[in-house]
Amino acid sequence: MNRRMFVAGMGATALGGSALLASGASSRVESQRGATIRVVGDEEAYLRLVYNQEPLTVNCDGSIELVTITNQLKETIDEIVIENLTVEPADLVVNEGTLAVPDQIDVGEIGRITITVECEPGTDTTSTVSFDIIAKGIDQAVIANGHVDKRFVEVNCECARVEGCSPGFWRQPAYRNGIWTDTDTYGPSERVADVFTLAVTGTQGQGGNAVDFDELTLREALDGGGGSGVSGAQQILLRAATAGLLNSQHPEVNYPKTESQLIADVDAALATEDRERILALAADLDEVNNEECPIRLRSEEEA
């Protein structure tokens, strides 16, 4: 098989979709015999590459389109390889394992190349992504060098910092008064049984450790301890879930879950009546609840 190799710079590509090799452009054509022929002003373009003219915007993570390729060879492209993928600055993380390329592109057809990217919470960065494309057919192959003339795809990744205030914060009267009241959607006097679908109801435990889940309020849930069995796990989860609910409804806390999402997650965990699964969700919520608390920081600054 004598596959001819065409090498061209992406710098010859104009945004808006002009041909890869425009009038006056040149390429290097190689055969397996080692001969090199200069081709100048070739009217027949090999690939048409189209990039987004404006920076792509991603919120924390998402899929982006790197480029669209129109096959203007005389044969089907049956292999596409992306090489030398670089990101500058490296604040943007490109997940190369998610790279999606077409299996083939027929003559005159369009293929799209996508990949997922992400950035850390608290990031607002614009990065440039460059790469080489190798498009192969049975007899021909075209290499488009992404580093020529600095033709890049720009990606703006914005990811707000995750915030959360702990159960201990919400238990403090100095901060709680005026911040959390019964005028809120989920006030301190609201019964947990009216917010969440409980796995265990009625009075559980004995003496000073007894808990009446039917009458337990959100304020009381913040003081919850724990214990054995499903009822103890439920008490631990309700403490974390109540703090999460207060974080979610507070306009100054950038909590990653809405109230409805949080309630749905808690109800789903409790519905399993599985202690380990209930505790697993409690641990996840505790981790978020113990992120930076913006209310506490502002209160201390004003004190």
C-alpha atoms as a PDB file:
ATOM      1  CA  MET A   1       0.000   0.000   0.000  1.00  0.00           C
ATOM      2  CA  ASN A   2       1.456   3.382  -1.006  1.00  0.00           C
ATOM      3  CA  ARG A   3      -0.132   5.822   1.439  1.00  0.00           C
ATOM      4  CA  ARG A   4       0.823   9.408   0.599  1.00  0.00           C
ATOM      5  CA  MET A   5       1.429  11.728   3.547  1.00  0.00           C
ATOM      6  CA  PHE A   6       0.451  15.401   3.402  1.00  0.00           C
ATOM      7  CA  VAL A   7       1.807  17.720   6.106  1.00  0.00           C
ATOM      8  CA  ALA A   8       0.097  21.076   6.549  1.00  0.00           C
ATOM      9  CA  GLY A   9      -0.058  23.755   9.196  1.00  0.00           C
ATOM     10  CA  MET A  10      -3.274  24.681  10.911  1.00  0.00           C
ATOM     11  CA  GLY A  11      -2.071  28.232  10.508  1.00  0.00           C
ATOM     12  CA  ALA A  12      -3.310  27.982   6.926  1.00  0.00           C
ATOM     13  CA  THR A  13      -6.832  27.445   8.230  1.00  0.00           C
ATOM     14  CA  ALA A  14      -9.076  30.517   8.396  1.00  0.00           C
ATOM     15  CA  LEU A  15     -11.854  30.691  10.990  1.00  0.00           C
ATOM     16  CA  GLY A  16     -15.172  30.397   9.292  1.00  0.00           C
ATOM     17  CA  GLY A  17     -14.122  27.294   7.419  1.00  0.00           C
ATOM     18  CA  SER A  18     -11.767  28.035   4.542  1.00  0.00           C
ATOM     19  CA  ALA A  19      -9.749  25.131   3.145  1.00  0.00           C
ATOM     20  CA  LEU A  20      -6.721  23.882   5.007  1.00  0.00           C
ATOM     21  CA  LEU A  21      -4.490  24.588   1.996  1.00  0.00           C
ATOM     22  CA  ALA A  22      -5.479  27.907   0.487  1.00  0.00           C
ATOM     23  CA  SER A  23      -4.173  29.390  -2.752  1.00  0.00           C
ATOM     24  CA  GLY A  24      -0.415  29.829  -2.541  1.00  0.00           C
ATOM     25  CA  ALA A  25      -0.038  27.397   0.352  1.00  0.00           C
ATOM     26  CA  SER A  26       2.370  24.509   0.182  1.00  0.00           C
ATOM     27  CA  SER A  27       2.600  21.026   1.564  1.00  0.00           C
ATOM     28  CA  ARG A  28       5.085  18.187   1.620  1.00  0.00           C
ATOM     29  CA  VAL A  29       4.047  15.004  -0.149  1.00  0.00           C
ATOM     30  CA  GLU A  30       5.938  11.833   0.684  1.00  0.00           C
ATOM     31  CA  SER A  31       5.738   8.380  -0.836  1.00  0.00           C
ATOM     32  CA  GLN A  32       7.080   5.140   0.531  1.00  0.00           C
ATOM     33  CA  ARG A  33       9.908   5.361  -2.017  1.00  0.00           C
ATOM     34  CA  GLY A  34      11.231   8.336  -0.050  1.00  0.00           C
ATOM     35  CA  ALA A  35      10.727  10.926  -2.798  1.00  0.00           C
ATOM     36  CA  THR A  36       9.704  14.414  -1.680  1.00  0.00           C
ATOM     37  CA  ILE A  37       7.690  16.645  -3.996  1.00  0.00           C
ATOM     38  CA  ARG A  38       6.766  20.274  -3.313  1.00  0.00           C
ATOM     39  CA  VAL A  39       3.112  21.059  -4.101  1.00  0.00           C
ATOM     40  CA  VAL A  40       2.340  24.780  -4.362  1.00  0.00           C
ATOM     41  CA  GLY A  41      -1.050  26.412  -4.913  1.00  0.00           C
ATOM     42  CA  ASP A  42      -2.925  23.133  -4.952  1.00  0.00           C
ATOM     43  CA  GLU A  43      -6.539  23.974  -5.755  1.00  0.00           C
ATOM     44  CA  GLU A  44      -7.829  20.785  -4.153  1.00  0.00           C
ATOM     45  CA  ALA A  45      -7.781  21.046  -0.384  1.00  0.00           C
ATOM     46  CA  TYR A  46      -7.324  17.955   1.713  1.00  0.00           C
ATOM     47  CA  LEU A  47      -9.191  18.801   4.903  1.00  0.00           C
ATOM     48  CA  ARG A  48     -11.424  21.624   5.988  1.00  0.00           C
ATOM     49  CA  LEU A  49     -10.959  22.395   9.699  1.00  0.00           C
ATOM     50  CA  VAL A  50     -13.348  24.711  11.541  1.00  0.00           C
ATOM     51  CA  TYR A  51     -12.717  26.062  15.036  1.00  0.00           C
ATOM     52  CA  ASN A  52     -14.870  28.166  17.331  1.00  0.00           C
ATOM     53  CA  GLN A  53     -14.045  31.820  16.902  1.00  0.00           C
ATOM     54  CA  GLU A  54     -14.953  32.705  20.497  1.00  0.00           C
ATOM     55  CA  PRO A  55     -13.636  31.034  23.683  1.00  0.00           C
ATOM     56  CA  LEU A  56     -15.696  28.045  24.773  1.00  0.00           C
ATOM     57  CA  THR A  57     -17.153  28.361  28.277  1.00  0.00           C
ATOM     58  CA  VAL A  58     -17.307  25.500  30.771  1.00  0.00           C
ATOM     59  CA  ASN A  59     -18.753  25.591  34.286  1.00  0.00           C
ATOM     60  CA  CYS A  60     -16.387  23.404  36.361  1.00  0.00           C
ATOM     61  CA  ASP A  61     -16.465  20.579  33.819  1.00  0.00           C
ATOM     62  CA  GLY A  62     -18.015  19.643  30.509  1.00  0.00           C
ATOM     63  CA  SER A  63     -17.515  18.473  26.959  1.00  0.00           C
ATOM     64  CA  ILE A  64     -16.075  20.810  24.334  1.00  0.00           C
ATOM     65  CA  GLU A  65     -15.778  20.554  20.562  1.00  0.00           C
ATOM     66  CA  LEU A  66     -12.163  20.860  19.518  1.00  0.00           C
ATOM     67  CA  VAL A  67     -12.713  20.987  15.766  1.00  0.00           C
ATOM     68  CA  THR A  68     -14.968  19.867  12.929  1.00  0.00           C
ATOM     69  CA  ILE A  69     -13.362  18.146   9.952  1.00  0.00           C
ATOM     70  CA  THR A  70     -14.736  18.027   6.425  1.00  0.00           C
ATOM     71  CA  ASN A  71     -13.191  15.253   4.342  1.00  0.00           C
ATOM     72  CA  GLN A  72     -12.107  16.733   1.022  1.00  0.00           C
ATOM     73  CA  LEU A  73      -9.834  13.867   0.067  1.00  0.00           C
ATOM     74  CA  LYS A  74     -10.845  11.472  -2.706  1.00  0.00           C
ATOM     75  CA  GLU A  75     -11.335   8.595  -0.286  1.00  0.00           C
ATOM     76  CA  THR A  76     -12.906   7.798   3.064  1.00  0.00           C
ATOM     77  CA  ILE A  77     -10.955   8.771   6.162  1.00  0.00           C
ATOM     78  CA  ASP A  78     -10.921   5.597   8.238  1.00  0.00           C
ATOM     79  CA  GLU A  79      -8.609   6.666  11.059  1.00  0.00           C
ATOM     80  CA  ILE A  80      -8.184   9.933  12.967  1.00  0.00           C
ATOM     81  CA  VAL A  81      -5.417  10.366  15.524  1.00  0.00           C
ATOM     82  CA  ILE A  82      -4.938  13.318  17.891  1.00  0.00           C
ATOM     83  CA  GLU A  83      -1.342  13.865  18.994  1.00  0.00           C
ATOM     84  CA  ASN A  84       0.725  16.405  20.943  1.00  0.00           C
ATOM     85  CA  LEU A  85      -2.252  17.765  22.846  1.00  0.00           C
ATOM     86  CA  THR A  86      -1.084  20.621  25.060  1.00  0.00           C
ATOM     87  CA  VAL A  87      -2.825  23.083  27.392  1.00  0.00           C
ATOM     88  CA  GLU A  88      -1.462  26.496  28.422  1.00  0.00           C
ATOM     89  CA  PRO A  89      -1.818  27.468  31.196  1.00  0.00           C
ATOM     90  CA  ALA A  90      -2.352  24.089  32.838  1.00  0.00           C
ATOM     91  CA  ASP A  91      -5.153  25.298  35.158  1.00  0.00           C
ATOM     92  CA  LEU A  92      -7.505  23.576  32.719  1.00  0.00           C
ATOM     93  CA  VAL A  93      -7.433  19.769  32.963  1.00  0.00           C
ATOM     94  CA  VAL A  94      -8.057  17.922  29.701  1.00  0.00           C
ATOM     95  CA  ASN A  95      -9.252  14.347  30.188  1.00  0.00           C
ATOM     96  CA  GLU A  96      -7.583  12.637  27.246  1.00  0.00           C
ATOM     97  CA  GLY A  97      -9.366   9.375  28.012  1.00  0.00           C
ATOM     98  CA  THR A  98     -12.641  11.043  26.979  1.00  0.00           C
ATOM     99  CA  LEU A  99     -11.403  12.078  23.528  1.00  0.00           C
ATOM    100  CA  ALA A 100     -14.105  11.199  20.989  1.00  0.00           C
ATOM    101  CA  VAL A 101     -13.260  10.980  17.288  1.00  0.00           C
ATOM    102  CA  PRO A 102     -15.353   9.609  14.395  1.00  0.00           C
ATOM    103  CA  ASP A 103     -14.672   6.035  13.312  1.00  0.00           C
ATOM    104  CA  GLN A 104     -14.646   7.271   9.727  1.00  0.00           C
ATOM    105  CA  ILE A 105     -15.559  10.289   7.623  1.00  0.00           C
ATOM    106  CA  ASP A 106     -16.819   9.672   4.117  1.00  0.00           C
ATOM    107  CA  VAL A 107     -15.874  11.961   1.239  1.00  0.00           C
ATOM    108  CA  GLY A 108     -17.615  15.309   1.641  1.00  0.00           C
ATOM    109  CA  GLU A 109     -18.923  14.423   5.128  1.00  0.00           C
ATOM    110  CA  ILE A 110     -18.227  16.213   8.419  1.00  0.00           C
ATOM    111  CA  GLY A 111     -16.809  14.717  11.616  1.00  0.00           C
ATOM    112  CA  ARG A 112     -16.554  16.312  15.047  1.00  0.00           C
ATOM    113  CA  ILE A 113     -13.852  15.812  17.658  1.00  0.00           C
ATOM    114  CA  THR A 114     -14.788  16.389  21.301  1.00  0.00           C
ATOM    115  CA  ILE A 115     -13.162  15.995  24.701  1.00  0.00           C
ATOM    116  CA  THR A 116     -14.096  16.746  28.322  1.00  0.00           C
ATOM    117  CA  VAL A 117     -12.288  19.318  30.433  1.00  0.00           C
ATOM    118  CA  GLU A 118     -12.484  20.472  34.038  1.00  0.00           C
ATOM    119  CA  CYS A 119     -11.043  22.974  36.492  1.00  0.00           C
ATOM    120  CA  GLU A 120     -10.767  23.160  40.262  1.00  0.00           C
ATOM    121  CA  PRO A 121     -13.277  25.034  42.464  1.00  0.00           C
ATOM    122  CA  GLY A 122     -12.286  28.669  42.837  1.00  0.00           C
ATOM    123  CA  THR A 123     -10.887  28.759  39.288  1.00  0.00           C
ATOM    124  CA  ASP A 124     -11.612  31.307  36.570  1.00  0.00           C
ATOM    125  CA  THR A 125      -9.121  30.695  33.795  1.00  0.00           C
ATOM    126  CA  THR A 126      -8.795  30.869  30.033  1.00  0.00           C
ATOM    127  CA  SER A 127      -6.514  28.270  28.505  1.00  0.00           C
ATOM    128  CA  THR A 128      -5.480  27.457  24.965  1.00  0.00           C
ATOM    129  CA  VAL A 129      -5.605  23.888  23.706  1.00  0.00           C
ATOM    130  CA  SER A 130      -3.471  22.867  20.735  1.00  0.00           C
ATOM    131  CA  PHE A 131      -3.101  19.513  19.042  1.00  0.00           C
ATOM    132  CA  ASP A 132      -2.024  17.751  15.860  1.00  0.00           C
ATOM    133  CA  ILE A 133      -4.520  15.886  13.699  1.00  0.00           C
ATOM    134  CA  ILE A 134      -3.586  12.877  11.587  1.00  0.00           C
ATOM    135  CA  ALA A 135      -6.362  11.843   9.194  1.00  0.00           C
ATOM    136  CA  LYS A 136      -5.725   8.594   7.326  1.00  0.00           C
ATOM    137  CA  GLY A 137      -7.356   6.900   4.385  1.00  0.00           C
ATOM    138  CA  ILE A 138      -6.292   3.795   2.473  1.00  0.00           C
ATOM    139  CA  ASP A 139      -3.820   5.616   0.217  1.00  0.00           C
ATOM    140  CA  GLN A 140      -3.403   9.031   1.818  1.00  0.00           C
ATOM    141  CA  ALA A 141      -2.784  10.629   5.175  1.00  0.00           C
ATOM    142  CA  VAL A 142      -2.858  14.298   6.194  1.00  0.00           C
ATOM    143  CA  ILE A 143      -1.104  15.743   9.220  1.00  0.00           C
ATOM    144  CA  ALA A 144      -2.416  19.101  10.437  1.00  0.00           C
ATOM    145  CA  ASN A 145       0.110  20.657  12.814  1.00  0.00           C
ATOM    146  CA  GLY A 146      -1.687  22.593  15.549  1.00  0.00           C
ATOM    147  CA  HIS A 147       1.408  24.474  16.673  1.00  0.00           C
ATOM    148  CA  VAL A 148       1.998  26.279  13.407  1.00  0.00           C
ATOM    149  CA  ASP A 149       1.099  30.005  13.651  1.00  0.00           C
ATOM    150  CA  LYS A 150      -0.404  29.321  17.105  1.00  0.00           C
ATOM    151  CA  ARG A 151      -3.873  28.273  16.000  1.00  0.00           C
ATOM    152  CA  PHE A 152      -5.521  27.241  19.283  1.00  0.00           C
ATOM    153  CA  VAL A 153      -8.942  26.513  20.698  1.00  0.00           C
ATOM    154  CA  GLU A 154      -9.571  28.790  23.684  1.00  0.00           C
ATOM    155  CA  VAL A 155     -11.510  27.469  26.667  1.00  0.00           C
ATOM    156  CA  ASN A 156     -12.743  29.563  29.595  1.00  0.00           C
ATOM    157  CA  CYS A 157     -13.404  27.433  32.680  1.00  0.00           C
ATOM    158  CA  GLU A 158     -15.234  28.998  35.608  1.00  0.00           C
ATOM    159  CA  CYS A 159     -15.823  27.056  38.805  1.00  0.00           C
ATOM    160  CA  ALA A 160     -17.067  28.751  41.949  1.00  0.00           C
ATOM    161  CA  ARG A 161     -15.557  27.728  45.267  1.00  0.00           C
ATOM    162  CA  VAL A 162     -17.651  25.182  47.188  1.00  0.00           C
ATOM    163  CA  GLU A 163     -18.775  26.581  50.541  1.00  0.00           C
ATOM    164  CA  GLY A 164     -20.501  25.090  53.550  1.00  0.00           C
ATOM    165  CA  CYS A 165     -21.130  25.791  57.233  1.00  0.00           C
ATOM    166  CA  SER A 166     -21.024  22.977  59.762  1.00  0.00           C
ATOM    167  CA  PRO A 167     -23.740  21.827  62.202  1.00  0.00           C
ATOM    168  CA  GLY A 168     -21.636  23.417  64.927  1.00  0.00           C
ATOM    169  CA  PHE A 169     -21.850  26.780  63.199  1.00  0.00           C
ATOM    170  CA  TRP A 170     -25.620  26.622  62.885  1.00  0.00           C
ATOM    171  CA  ARG A 171     -25.938  25.677  66.566  1.00  0.00           C
ATOM    172  CA  GLN A 172     -24.262  28.891  67.701  1.00  0.00           C
ATOM    173  CA  PRO A 173     -26.892  31.454  68.794  1.00  0.00           C
ATOM    174  CA  ALA A 174     -24.527  34.370  68.085  1.00  0.00           C
ATOM    175  CA  TYR A 175     -24.524  33.481  64.407  1.00  0.00           C
ATOM    176  CA  ARG A 176     -27.863  31.682  64.153  1.00  0.00           C
ATOM    177  CA  ASN A 177     -30.041  34.516  65.478  1.00  0.00           C
ATOM    178  CA  GLY A 178     -31.086  36.708  62.590  1.00  0.00           C
ATOM    179  CA  ILE A 179     -29.621  34.280  60.071  1.00  0.00           C
ATOM    180  CA  TRP A 180     -31.915  31.291  60.535  1.00  0.00           C
ATOM    181  CA  THR A 181     -35.499  31.974  61.617  1.00  0.00           C
ATOM    182  CA  ASP A 182     -38.930  30.441  61.157  1.00  0.00           C
ATOM    183  CA  THR A 183     -39.581  32.885  58.331  1.00  0.00           C
ATOM    184  CA  ASP A 184     -37.192  30.790  56.234  1.00  0.00           C
ATOM    185  CA  THR A 185     -38.552  28.004  54.036  1.00  0.00           C
ATOM    186  CA  TYR A 186     -36.986  25.496  56.400  1.00  0.00           C
ATOM    187  CA  GLY A 187     -37.045  27.140  59.823  1.00  0.00           C
ATOM    188  CA  PRO A 188     -35.656  25.838  63.129  1.00  0.00           C
ATOM    189  CA  SER A 189     -39.109  24.770  64.362  1.00  0.00           C
ATOM    190  CA  GLU A 190     -39.844  22.695  61.247  1.00  0.00           C
ATOM    191  CA  ARG A 191     -40.172  18.994  62.027  1.00  0.00           C
ATOM    192  CA  VAL A 192     -37.691  16.742  60.252  1.00  0.00           C
ATOM    193  CA  ALA A 193     -40.519  14.310  59.503  1.00  0.00           C
ATOM    194  CA  ASP A 194     -42.195  17.058  57.459  1.00  0.00           C
ATOM    195  CA  VAL A 195     -39.033  17.585  55.402  1.00  0.00           C
ATOM    196  CA  PHE A 196     -37.522  14.113  55.002  1.00  0.00           C
ATOM    197  CA  THR A 197     -39.064  10.663  54.563  1.00  0.00           C
ATOM    198  CA  LEU A 198     -37.686   8.842  57.586  1.00  0.00           C
ATOM    199  CA  ALA A 199     -36.630   5.212  57.747  1.00  0.00           C
ATOM    200  CA  VAL A 200     -37.319   5.008  61.475  1.00  0.00           C
ATOM    201  CA  THR A 201     -40.206   6.801  63.199  1.00  0.00           C
ATOM    202  CA  GLY A 202     -41.476   7.106  66.745  1.00  0.00           C
ATOM    203  CA  THR A 203     -39.337   7.172  69.872  1.00  0.00           C
ATOM    204  CA  GLN A 204     -36.018   5.355  69.717  1.00  0.00           C
ATOM    205  CA  GLY A 205     -33.529   4.814  72.521  1.00  0.00           C
ATOM    206  CA  GLN A 206     -33.945   5.128  76.261  1.00  0.00           C
ATOM    207  CA  GLY A 207     -33.504   7.744  78.946  1.00  0.00           C
ATOM    208  CA  GLY A 208     -31.467  10.777  78.002  1.00  0.00           C
ATOM    209  CA  ASN A 209     -30.594   9.214  74.669  1.00  0.00           C
ATOM    210  CA  ALA A 210     -34.204   8.781  73.580  1.00  0.00           C
ATOM    211  CA  VAL A 211     -35.166  10.507  70.325  1.00  0.00           C
ATOM    212  CA  ASP A 212     -38.748  11.066  69.158  1.00  0.00           C
ATOM    213  CA  PHE A 213     -38.291  11.222  65.390  1.00  0.00           C
ATOM    214  CA  ASP A 214     -41.948  12.170  64.907  1.00  0.00           C
ATOM    215  CA  GLU A 215     -41.500  15.457  66.814  1.00  0.00           C
ATOM    216  CA  LEU A 216     -37.784  16.142  66.246  1.00  0.00           C
ATOM    217  CA  THR A 217     -37.231  19.656  64.870  1.00  0.00           C
ATOM    218  CA  LEU A 218     -34.517  20.792  62.505  1.00  0.00           C
ATOM    219  CA  ARG A 219     -32.944  22.779  65.350  1.00  0.00           C
ATOM    220  CA  GLU A 220     -32.876  19.656  67.532  1.00  0.00           C
ATOM    221  CA  ALA A 221     -31.522  17.560  64.693  1.00  0.00           C
ATOM    222  CA  LEU A 222     -28.350  19.681  64.727  1.00  0.00           C
ATOM    223  CA  ASP A 223     -27.650  18.343  68.238  1.00  0.00           C
ATOM    224  CA  GLY A 224     -28.122  14.741  67.131  1.00  0.00           C
ATOM    225  CA  GLY A 225     -25.627  12.214  68.360  1.00  0.00           C
ATOM    226  CA  GLY A 226     -25.789   8.766  66.880  1.00  0.00           C
ATOM    227  CA  GLY A 227     -26.042   5.205  68.036  1.00  0.00           C
ATOM    228  CA  SER A 228     -26.343   1.697  66.713  1.00  0.00           C
ATOM    229  CA  GLY A 229     -28.561   0.332  63.989  1.00  0.00           C
ATOM    230  CA  VAL A 230     -30.517   2.232  61.371  1.00  0.00           C
ATOM    231  CA  SER A 231     -31.973   4.681  63.903  1.00  0.00           C
ATOM    232  CA  GLY A 232     -28.488   5.772  64.994  1.00  0.00           C
ATOM    233  CA  ALA A 233     -27.365   6.184  61.390  1.00  0.00           C
ATOM    234  CA  GLN A 234     -30.517   8.159  60.654  1.00  0.00           C
ATOM    235  CA  GLN A 235     -29.757  10.536  63.502  1.00  0.00           C
ATOM    236  CA  ILE A 236     -26.218  11.105  62.181  1.00  0.00           C
ATOM    237  CA  LEU A 237     -27.505  11.738  58.670  1.00  0.00           C
ATOM    238  CA  LEU A 238     -30.207  14.134  59.853  1.00  0.00           C
ATOM    239  CA  ARG A 239     -27.586  16.244  61.630  1.00  0.00           C
ATOM    240  CA  ALA A 240     -25.508  16.557  58.447  1.00  0.00           C
ATOM    241  CA  ALA A 241     -28.575  16.935  56.221  1.00  0.00           C
ATOM    242  CA  THR A 242     -30.035  19.742  58.326  1.00  0.00           C
ATOM    243  CA  ALA A 243     -26.790  21.706  58.102  1.00  0.00           C
ATOM    244  CA  GLY A 244     -26.727  21.046  54.373  1.00  0.00           C
ATOM    245  CA  LEU A 245     -30.311  22.239  54.035  1.00  0.00           C
ATOM    246  CA  LEU A 246     -29.494  25.498  55.830  1.00  0.00           C
ATOM    247  CA  ASN A 247     -26.423  26.005  53.672  1.00  0.00           C
ATOM    248  CA  SER A 248     -28.427  25.361  50.544  1.00  0.00           C
ATOM    249  CA  GLN A 249     -31.156  27.864  51.353  1.00  0.00           C
ATOM    250  CA  HIS A 250     -28.781  30.607  52.455  1.00  0.00           C
ATOM    251  CA  PRO A 251     -28.119  33.083  49.599  1.00  0.00           C
ATOM    252  CA  GLU A 252     -24.523  33.767  50.641  1.00  0.00           C
ATOM    253  CA  VAL A 253     -23.365  30.141  50.782  1.00  0.00           C
ATOM    254  CA  ASN A 254     -22.279  28.570  47.497  1.00  0.00           C
ATOM    255  CA  TYR A 255     -23.493  25.072  48.348  1.00  0.00           C
ATOM    256  CA  PRO A 256     -23.267  22.431  45.581  1.00  0.00           C
ATOM    257  CA  LYS A 257     -26.798  21.051  46.097  1.00  0.00           C
ATOM    258  CA  THR A 258     -30.215  22.674  45.947  1.00  0.00           C
ATOM    259  CA  GLU A 259     -32.740  21.997  48.690  1.00  0.00           C
ATOM    260  CA  SER A 260     -34.697  19.607  46.475  1.00  0.00           C
ATOM    261  CA  GLN A 261     -31.552  17.714  45.446  1.00  0.00           C
ATOM    262  CA  LEU A 262     -30.436  17.366  49.044  1.00  0.00           C
ATOM    263  CA  ILE A 263     -33.828  16.147  50.239  1.00  0.00           C
ATOM    264  CA  ALA A 264     -34.025  13.630  47.384  1.00  0.00           C
ATOM    265  CA  ASP A 265     -30.569  12.256  48.230  1.00  0.00           C
ATOM    266  CA  VAL A 266     -31.415  11.926  51.922  1.00  0.00           C
ATOM    267  CA  ASP A 267     -34.772  10.279  51.233  1.00  0.00           C
ATOM    268  CA  ALA A 268     -33.129   7.808  48.843  1.00  0.00           C
ATOM    269  CA  ALA A 269     -30.488   6.842  51.401  1.00  0.00           C
ATOM    270  CA  LEU A 270     -33.016   6.438  54.218  1.00  0.00           C
ATOM    271  CA  ALA A 271     -35.300   4.373  51.984  1.00  0.00           C
ATOM    272  CA  THR A 272     -32.620   1.693  51.763  1.00  0.00           C
ATOM    273  CA  GLU A 273     -32.721   1.186  55.553  1.00  0.00           C
ATOM    274  CA  ASP A 274     -29.067   0.235  55.105  1.00  0.00           C
ATOM    275  CA  ARG A 275     -26.894   1.650  57.875  1.00  0.00           C
ATOM    276  CA  GLU A 276     -23.720   1.744  55.782  1.00  0.00           C
ATOM    277  CA  ARG A 277     -25.340   3.587  52.885  1.00  0.00           C
ATOM    278  CA  ILE A 278     -26.965   6.076  55.248  1.00  0.00           C
ATOM    279  CA  LEU A 279     -23.620   6.742  56.961  1.00  0.00           C
ATOM    280  CA  ALA A 280     -21.874   7.073  53.595  1.00  0.00           C
ATOM    281  CA  LEU A 281     -24.159   9.943  52.590  1.00  0.00           C
ATOM    282  CA  ALA A 282     -23.724  11.537  56.024  1.00  0.00           C
ATOM    283  CA  ALA A 283     -19.950  11.476  55.525  1.00  0.00           C
ATOM    284  CA  ASP A 284     -20.255  13.054  52.078  1.00  0.00           C
ATOM    285  CA  LEU A 285     -22.453  15.848  53.429  1.00  0.00           C
ATOM    286  CA  ASP A 286     -20.151  16.409  56.396  1.00  0.00           C
ATOM    287  CA  GLU A 287     -17.229  16.916  54.028  1.00  0.00           C
ATOM    288  CA  VAL A 288     -19.055  19.656  52.129  1.00  0.00           C
ATOM    289  CA  ASN A 289     -20.493  21.199  55.303  1.00  0.00           C
ATOM    290  CA  ASN A 290     -16.957  21.651  56.600  1.00  0.00           C
ATOM    291  CA  GLU A 291     -15.744  23.648  53.627  1.00  0.00           C
ATOM    292  CA  GLU A 292     -15.082  27.362  54.015  1.00  0.00           C
ATOM    293  CA  CYS A 293     -18.037  29.066  55.727  1.00  0.00           C
ATOM    294  CA  PRO A 294     -18.477  32.581  54.309  1.00  0.00           C
ATOM    295  CA  ILE A 295     -21.010  33.599  56.965  1.00  0.00           C
ATOM    296  CA  ARG A 296     -18.595  32.878  59.786  1.00  0.00           C
ATOM    297  CA  LEU A 297     -15.800  34.782  58.062  1.00  0.00           C
ATOM    298  CA  ARG A 298     -17.955  37.864  57.581  1.00  0.00           C
ATOM    299  CA  SER A 299     -19.320  37.662  61.144  1.00  0.00           C
ATOM    300  CA  GLU A 300     -15.799  37.495  62.599  1.00  0.00           C
ATOM    301  CA  GLU A 301     -14.671  40.446  60.476  1.00  0.00           C
ATOM    302  CA  GLU A 302     -17.595  42.535  61.701  1.00  0.00           C
ATOM    303  CA  ALA A 303     -17.097  41.567  65.356  1.00  0.00           C
END
